[in-house]
Amino acid sequence: MKRSSILITIIASFAIACGGSAQGPASVIDGAEADLTDCSFLQKVKGSASDGDSNAAGVARRKAKAEAASIGATHIKWIVPCCTYVEADAYQCDTPDYAQASL
């Protein structure tokens, strides 16, 4: 078990050092147009799921958010938000420095 923890730490460190992101789909925030005024557009992202999936929309949205996270996006604005195929614009927004705000 200890080896697994060390291996995961090494892989995550390597990914971050190579410009990757250790963030996952859950870290990407849904944003409205008003939330994205000071953000940089990165690219369009997409996700899809099988028609037979009982939660096809959820699976497709998670795949799109995973793609957004992989390119460093912090926010996503849905263009096609439903069903077996979704599409969104991925943005990188400056996040507030909460450590400074608490001083």
N, C-alpha and C. Protein backbone atom coordinates (compact mmCIF):
# COMPACT_ATOMS: atom_id res chain seq x y z
N MET A 1 0.83 -1.19 0.00
CA MET A 1 0.00 0.00 0.00
C MET A 1 0.87 1.25 0.00
N LYS A 2 1.96 1.22 0.76
CA LYS A 2 2.84 2.38 0.81
C LYS A 2 3.46 2.63 -0.56
N ARG A 3 3.80 1.55 -1.28
CA ARG A 3 4.37 1.71 -2.63
C ARG A 3 3.37 2.37 -3.56
N SER A 4 2.10 2.02 -3.44
CA SER A 4 1.07 2.63 -4.28
C SER A 4 1.00 4.13 -4.04
N SER A 5 1.04 4.54 -2.79
CA SER A 5 0.99 5.97 -2.45
C SER A 5 2.19 6.71 -3.02
N ILE A 6 3.35 6.11 -2.91
CA ILE A 6 4.56 6.73 -3.44
C ILE A 6 4.47 6.84 -4.95
N LEU A 7 4.01 5.77 -5.61
CA LEU A 7 3.89 5.77 -7.06
C LEU A 7 2.91 6.84 -7.52
N ILE A 8 1.77 6.96 -6.86
CA ILE A 8 0.78 7.99 -7.23
C ILE A 8 1.37 9.38 -7.06
N THR A 9 2.09 9.61 -5.97
CA THR A 9 2.73 10.91 -5.74
C THR A 9 3.73 11.24 -6.83
N ILE A 10 4.54 10.26 -7.21
CA ILE A 10 5.53 10.47 -8.27
C ILE A 10 4.85 10.79 -9.59
N ILE A 11 3.83 10.05 -9.94
CA ILE A 11 3.13 10.28 -11.21
C ILE A 11 2.48 11.66 -11.23
N ALA A 12 1.82 12.03 -10.13
CA ALA A 12 1.18 13.35 -10.06
C ALA A 12 2.21 14.46 -10.15
N SER A 13 3.32 14.30 -9.47
CA SER A 13 4.39 15.31 -9.51
C SER A 13 4.95 15.45 -10.91
N PHE A 14 5.14 14.33 -11.58
CA PHE A 14 5.65 14.34 -12.94
C PHE A 14 4.67 15.05 -13.88
N ALA A 15 3.39 14.78 -13.74
CA ALA A 15 2.38 15.40 -14.60
C ALA A 15 2.37 16.91 -14.40
N ILE A 16 2.45 17.36 -13.16
CA ILE A 16 2.45 18.80 -12.88
C ILE A 16 3.73 19.44 -13.40
N ALA A 17 4.86 18.79 -13.22
CA ALA A 17 6.14 19.33 -13.70
C ALA A 17 6.17 19.44 -15.21
N CYS A 18 5.45 18.58 -15.88
CA CYS A 18 5.43 18.61 -17.35
C CYS A 18 4.33 19.52 -17.88
N GLY A 19 3.77 20.34 -17.03
CA GLY A 19 2.76 21.30 -17.48
C GLY A 19 1.35 20.77 -17.41
N GLY A 20 1.17 19.59 -16.89
CA GLY A 20 -0.16 19.03 -16.78
C GLY A 20 -0.87 19.58 -15.56
N SER A 21 -2.02 19.06 -15.33
CA SER A 21 -2.81 19.49 -14.19
C SER A 21 -3.23 18.29 -13.38
N ALA A 22 -3.14 18.41 -12.08
CA ALA A 22 -3.59 17.32 -11.21
C ALA A 22 -5.08 17.45 -10.93
N GLN A 23 -5.71 18.44 -11.53
CA GLN A 23 -7.13 18.65 -11.30
C GLN A 23 -7.94 17.69 -12.15
N GLY A 24 -9.10 17.33 -11.63
CA GLY A 24 -10.00 16.45 -12.36
C GLY A 24 -11.25 17.19 -12.77
N PRO A 25 -12.19 16.46 -13.36
CA PRO A 25 -13.42 17.09 -13.84
C PRO A 25 -14.19 17.84 -12.76
N ALA A 26 -14.13 17.38 -11.53
CA ALA A 26 -14.88 18.03 -10.44
C ALA A 26 -14.36 19.43 -10.13
N SER A 27 -13.12 19.72 -10.53
CA SER A 27 -12.55 21.03 -10.24
C SER A 27 -12.96 22.09 -11.27
N VAL A 28 -13.58 21.68 -12.37
CA VAL A 28 -14.01 22.61 -13.40
C VAL A 28 -15.42 23.11 -13.05
N ILE A 29 -15.56 24.42 -12.97
CA ILE A 29 -16.79 25.06 -12.52
C ILE A 29 -17.66 25.45 -13.71
N ASP A 30 -18.96 25.20 -13.61
CA ASP A 30 -19.90 25.68 -14.62
C ASP A 30 -19.97 27.20 -14.50
N GLY A 31 -19.83 27.90 -15.61
CA GLY A 31 -19.87 29.35 -15.57
C GLY A 31 -20.86 29.93 -16.55
N ALA A 32 -21.45 31.04 -16.17
CA ALA A 32 -22.34 31.79 -17.06
C ALA A 32 -21.50 32.87 -17.74
N GLU A 33 -22.05 33.45 -18.77
CA GLU A 33 -21.34 34.49 -19.52
C GLU A 33 -20.79 35.58 -18.59
N ALA A 34 -21.58 36.01 -17.62
CA ALA A 34 -21.15 37.08 -16.71
C ALA A 34 -19.98 36.65 -15.83
N ASP A 35 -19.84 35.35 -15.57
CA ASP A 35 -18.75 34.85 -14.75
C ASP A 35 -17.42 34.79 -15.50
N LEU A 36 -17.46 34.91 -16.81
CA LEU A 36 -16.29 34.64 -17.63
C LEU A 36 -15.67 35.88 -18.27
N THR A 37 -16.03 37.06 -17.80
CA THR A 37 -15.56 38.28 -18.45
C THR A 37 -14.05 38.48 -18.33
N ASP A 38 -13.43 38.02 -17.25
CA ASP A 38 -11.99 38.18 -17.07
C ASP A 38 -11.23 36.88 -17.29
N CYS A 39 -11.79 36.01 -18.11
CA CYS A 39 -11.20 34.69 -18.35
C CYS A 39 -10.66 34.59 -19.77
N SER A 40 -9.77 33.64 -19.97
CA SER A 40 -9.22 33.38 -21.31
C SER A 40 -9.85 32.12 -21.89
N PHE A 41 -10.38 32.25 -23.09
CA PHE A 41 -10.95 31.08 -23.78
C PHE A 41 -9.81 30.16 -24.16
N LEU A 42 -9.95 28.87 -23.88
CA LEU A 42 -8.93 27.90 -24.24
C LEU A 42 -9.30 27.15 -25.51
N GLN A 43 -10.42 26.44 -25.47
CA GLN A 43 -10.89 25.71 -26.65
C GLN A 43 -12.26 25.12 -26.38
N LYS A 44 -12.87 24.61 -27.42
CA LYS A 44 -14.15 23.90 -27.31
C LYS A 44 -13.85 22.48 -26.84
N VAL A 45 -14.67 21.96 -25.94
CA VAL A 45 -14.53 20.59 -25.46
C VAL A 45 -15.84 19.84 -25.69
N LYS A 46 -15.74 18.51 -25.78
CA LYS A 46 -16.91 17.69 -26.09
C LYS A 46 -16.91 16.45 -25.22
N GLY A 47 -18.08 15.88 -25.07
CA GLY A 47 -18.22 14.62 -24.36
C GLY A 47 -19.39 13.85 -24.93
N SER A 48 -19.31 12.54 -24.86
CA SER A 48 -20.42 11.72 -25.37
C SER A 48 -20.60 10.49 -24.50
N ALA A 49 -21.76 9.89 -24.65
CA ALA A 49 -22.10 8.68 -23.90
C ALA A 49 -23.01 7.82 -24.76
N SER A 50 -23.14 6.58 -24.38
CA SER A 50 -23.99 5.63 -25.09
C SER A 50 -25.46 5.94 -24.86
N ASP A 51 -26.28 5.70 -25.87
CA ASP A 51 -27.73 5.86 -25.74
C ASP A 51 -28.29 4.97 -24.63
N GLY A 52 -27.69 3.82 -24.42
CA GLY A 52 -28.17 2.88 -23.43
C GLY A 52 -27.77 3.21 -22.00
N ASP A 53 -26.92 4.21 -21.81
CA ASP A 53 -26.48 4.59 -20.47
C ASP A 53 -27.63 5.27 -19.73
N SER A 54 -27.90 4.81 -18.52
CA SER A 54 -29.02 5.38 -17.76
C SER A 54 -28.75 6.83 -17.33
N ASN A 55 -27.50 7.25 -17.33
CA ASN A 55 -27.14 8.62 -16.98
C ASN A 55 -26.26 9.20 -18.08
N ALA A 56 -26.73 9.11 -19.32
CA ALA A 56 -25.93 9.52 -20.47
C ALA A 56 -25.49 10.98 -20.39
N ALA A 57 -26.38 11.87 -20.01
CA ALA A 57 -26.03 13.29 -19.93
C ALA A 57 -24.94 13.53 -18.89
N GLY A 58 -25.04 12.87 -17.75
CA GLY A 58 -24.02 13.03 -16.71
C GLY A 58 -22.66 12.50 -17.14
N VAL A 59 -22.66 11.35 -17.80
CA VAL A 59 -21.40 10.77 -18.29
C VAL A 59 -20.77 11.68 -19.34
N ALA A 60 -21.58 12.16 -20.29
CA ALA A 60 -21.06 13.03 -21.34
C ALA A 60 -20.51 14.33 -20.76
N ARG A 61 -21.20 14.90 -19.77
CA ARG A 61 -20.73 16.15 -19.14
C ARG A 61 -19.41 15.91 -18.40
N ARG A 62 -19.30 14.78 -17.69
CA ARG A 62 -18.04 14.48 -16.98
C ARG A 62 -16.89 14.32 -17.96
N LYS A 63 -17.14 13.71 -19.11
CA LYS A 63 -16.08 13.55 -20.12
C LYS A 63 -15.64 14.91 -20.65
N ALA A 64 -16.58 15.81 -20.90
CA ALA A 64 -16.23 17.15 -21.37
C ALA A 64 -15.45 17.91 -20.30
N LYS A 65 -15.87 17.78 -19.04
CA LYS A 65 -15.15 18.45 -17.95
C LYS A 65 -13.75 17.85 -17.77
N ALA A 66 -13.61 16.56 -17.97
CA ALA A 66 -12.29 15.92 -17.87
C ALA A 66 -11.36 16.46 -18.96
N GLU A 67 -11.89 16.64 -20.16
CA GLU A 67 -11.09 17.21 -21.25
C GLU A 67 -10.70 18.64 -20.90
N ALA A 68 -11.65 19.41 -20.36
CA ALA A 68 -11.37 20.79 -19.96
C ALA A 68 -10.29 20.83 -18.88
N ALA A 69 -10.39 19.97 -17.89
CA ALA A 69 -9.39 19.92 -16.81
C ALA A 69 -8.01 19.57 -17.36
N SER A 70 -7.97 18.69 -18.34
CA SER A 70 -6.68 18.25 -18.89
C SER A 70 -5.94 19.36 -19.61
N ILE A 71 -6.65 20.41 -20.03
CA ILE A 71 -5.98 21.53 -20.70
C ILE A 71 -5.83 22.73 -19.77
N GLY A 72 -6.16 22.54 -18.49
CA GLY A 72 -5.97 23.59 -17.51
C GLY A 72 -7.14 24.54 -17.32
N ALA A 73 -8.30 24.15 -17.79
CA ALA A 73 -9.48 25.00 -17.64
C ALA A 73 -9.94 25.04 -16.19
N THR A 74 -10.48 26.18 -15.80
CA THR A 74 -11.06 26.32 -14.46
C THR A 74 -12.58 26.42 -14.55
N HIS A 75 -13.09 26.84 -15.70
CA HIS A 75 -14.52 27.05 -15.89
C HIS A 75 -14.94 26.49 -17.25
N ILE A 76 -16.23 26.22 -17.34
CA ILE A 76 -16.79 25.69 -18.59
C ILE A 76 -18.15 26.35 -18.82
N LYS A 77 -18.42 26.72 -20.06
CA LYS A 77 -19.72 27.30 -20.43
C LYS A 77 -20.36 26.35 -21.44
N TRP A 78 -21.52 25.80 -21.05
CA TRP A 78 -22.17 24.79 -21.87
C TRP A 78 -22.83 25.42 -23.10
N ILE A 79 -22.61 24.78 -24.25
CA ILE A 79 -23.25 25.18 -25.51
C ILE A 79 -24.37 24.19 -25.80
N VAL A 80 -24.04 22.91 -25.76
CA VAL A 80 -25.00 21.82 -25.91
C VAL A 80 -24.91 21.03 -24.61
N PRO A 81 -25.82 21.30 -23.64
CA PRO A 81 -25.65 20.75 -22.30
C PRO A 81 -26.36 19.44 -22.02
N CYS A 82 -26.94 18.81 -23.01
CA CYS A 82 -27.80 17.68 -22.68
C CYS A 82 -27.58 16.46 -23.56
N CYS A 83 -27.94 15.40 -22.96
CA CYS A 83 -28.17 14.12 -23.60
C CYS A 83 -26.89 13.35 -23.88
N THR A 84 -26.82 12.61 -24.98
CA THR A 84 -25.66 11.74 -25.20
C THR A 84 -24.46 12.48 -25.78
N TYR A 85 -24.63 13.71 -26.22
CA TYR A 85 -23.52 14.50 -26.76
C TYR A 85 -23.60 15.90 -26.15
N VAL A 86 -22.50 16.36 -25.58
CA VAL A 86 -22.45 17.71 -25.03
C VAL A 86 -21.25 18.45 -25.60
N GLU A 87 -21.35 19.75 -25.58
CA GLU A 87 -20.29 20.60 -26.10
C GLU A 87 -20.22 21.85 -25.25
N ALA A 88 -19.00 22.33 -25.00
CA ALA A 88 -18.83 23.51 -24.15
C ALA A 88 -17.56 24.25 -24.53
N ASP A 89 -17.49 25.50 -24.11
CA ASP A 89 -16.27 26.29 -24.23
C ASP A 89 -15.54 26.21 -22.90
N ALA A 90 -14.23 25.94 -22.96
CA ALA A 90 -13.41 25.84 -21.75
C ALA A 90 -12.63 27.13 -21.57
N TYR A 91 -12.58 27.61 -20.32
CA TYR A 91 -11.91 28.87 -19.99
C TYR A 91 -10.94 28.68 -18.84
N GLN A 92 -9.92 29.51 -18.84
CA GLN A 92 -9.01 29.60 -17.69
C GLN A 92 -9.26 30.96 -17.06
N CYS A 93 -9.67 30.94 -15.81
CA CYS A 93 -9.96 32.17 -15.07
C CYS A 93 -8.98 32.29 -13.91
N ASP A 94 -8.58 33.51 -13.63
CA ASP A 94 -7.75 33.73 -12.45
C ASP A 94 -8.60 33.45 -11.23
N THR A 95 -8.08 32.66 -10.33
CA THR A 95 -8.81 32.37 -9.11
C THR A 95 -8.33 33.31 -8.02
N PRO A 96 -9.21 33.75 -7.16
CA PRO A 96 -8.80 34.67 -6.09
C PRO A 96 -7.81 33.99 -5.16
N ASP A 97 -6.89 34.76 -4.67
CA ASP A 97 -5.91 34.24 -3.72
C ASP A 97 -6.50 34.38 -2.32
N TYR A 98 -7.14 33.30 -1.87
CA TYR A 98 -7.82 33.33 -0.59
C TYR A 98 -6.86 33.52 0.57
N ALA A 99 -5.61 33.09 0.41
CA ALA A 99 -4.64 33.26 1.47
C ALA A 99 -4.38 34.75 1.71
N GLN A 100 -4.28 35.52 0.64
CA GLN A 100 -4.05 36.96 0.77
C GLN A 100 -5.29 37.67 1.31
N ALA A 101 -6.47 37.18 0.91
CA ALA A 101 -7.72 37.82 1.33
C ALA A 101 -7.94 37.68 2.83
N SER A 102 -7.37 36.64 3.43
CA SER A 102 -7.60 36.42 4.86
C SER A 102 -6.63 37.21 5.74
N LEU A 103 -5.66 37.90 5.13
CA LEU A 103 -4.70 38.67 5.92
C LEU A 103 -5.27 39.97 6.43
